[in-house]
Protein backbone atom coordinates (compact mmCIF):
# COMPACT_ATOMS: atom_id res chain seq x y z
CA UNK A 1 -5.90 -0.19 13.35
CA UNK A 2 -4.36 -3.22 11.73
CA UNK A 3 -1.30 -3.08 8.19
CA UNK A 4 -3.50 -6.35 7.52
CA UNK A 5 -4.38 -6.99 3.80
CA UNK A 6 -8.59 -7.22 4.47
CA UNK A 7 -10.07 -10.06 2.45
CA UNK A 8 -12.33 -7.83 0.39
CA UNK A 9 -9.33 -6.01 -1.20
CA UNK A 10 -8.26 -9.04 -3.88
CA UNK A 11 -10.19 -7.49 -6.40
CA UNK A 12 -9.32 -4.55 -6.08
CA UNK A 13 -4.91 -5.63 -5.52
CA UNK A 14 -5.19 -8.16 -7.85
CA UNK A 15 -6.43 -5.46 -10.54
CA UNK A 16 -3.39 -3.27 -9.49
CA UNK A 17 -0.88 -6.26 -9.57
CA UNK A 18 -2.68 -7.14 -13.51
CA UNK A 19 -2.09 -3.57 -14.63
CA UNK A 20 1.31 -3.41 -13.22
CA UNK A 21 2.51 -6.51 -15.70
CA UNK A 22 0.74 -5.84 -18.16
CA UNK A 23 2.30 -1.95 -17.85
CA UNK A 24 5.59 -2.91 -16.95
CA UNK A 25 6.44 0.86 -17.71
CA UNK A 26 4.35 1.92 -15.07
CA UNK A 27 5.47 2.95 -11.91
CA UNK A 28 3.02 3.94 -9.21
CA UNK A 29 3.33 5.46 -5.59
CA UNK A 30 1.58 4.25 -2.88
CA UNK A 31 -0.43 6.54 -0.45
CA UNK A 32 -1.51 5.48 3.18
CA UNK A 33 -4.25 7.10 5.66
CA UNK A 34 -5.75 6.34 8.79
CA UNK A 35 -8.31 7.37 10.69
CA UNK A 36 -7.92 11.45 13.10
CA UNK A 37 -8.73 9.07 16.63
CA UNK A 38 -5.63 8.64 19.18
CA UNK A 39 -2.47 9.07 18.83
CA UNK A 40 -0.61 10.93 15.57
CA UNK A 41 2.48 9.39 16.57
CA UNK A 42 1.15 6.03 15.84
CA UNK A 43 -0.99 7.00 13.03
CA UNK A 44 1.18 7.81 11.27
CA UNK A 45 3.58 4.90 11.86
CA UNK A 46 0.17 2.92 11.35
CA UNK A 47 0.01 4.52 8.15
CA UNK A 48 3.23 3.63 6.34
CA UNK A 49 3.18 -0.18 7.63
CA UNK A 50 -0.36 -0.04 5.53
CA UNK A 51 1.38 1.38 2.42
CA UNK A 52 4.43 -1.10 3.29
CA UNK A 53 1.73 -3.97 3.59
CA UNK A 54 0.62 -3.24 0.01
CA UNK A 55 4.14 -2.85 -1.49
CA UNK A 56 5.13 -6.32 -0.14
CA UNK A 57 2.31 -8.19 -1.40
CA UNK A 58 3.12 -6.96 -5.10
CA UNK A 59 6.78 -7.26 -4.56
CA UNK A 60 5.79 -11.50 -3.51
CA UNK A 61 3.76 -10.68 -7.31
CA UNK A 62 6.17 -10.05 -9.44
CA UNK A 63 6.95 -6.50 -9.37
CA UNK A 64 10.31 -5.17 -9.23
CA UNK A 65 10.38 -3.00 -5.48
CA UNK A 66 11.67 -0.14 -7.96
CA UNK A 67 8.61 0.87 -10.08
CA UNK A 68 7.06 1.06 -6.39
CA UNK A 69 7.06 4.09 -4.27
CA UNK A 70 4.58 4.58 -1.18
CA UNK A 71 4.12 7.54 2.04
CA UNK A 72 2.45 7.88 5.08
CA UNK A 73 -0.48 9.64 5.66
CA UNK A 74 -1.62 9.41 9.37
CA UNK A 75 -4.48 11.02 9.94
CA UNK A 76 -3.55 14.22 7.77
């Protein structure tokens, strides 16, 4: 129930970062989801926050914001 990067995600994020750095013409959309347990509105917000954490990581590591879009889908 949090919007934090998991330590186990490092390898996947580094692969994505490398792909984007090696291919500057690529733009991506990051999609976020949650479980279907709990309040739907809170889950929607959580999915959006999770997307933003990934986008922030990529920007912090040199990817231009204009190449990144994000969409949270909550429990859907």
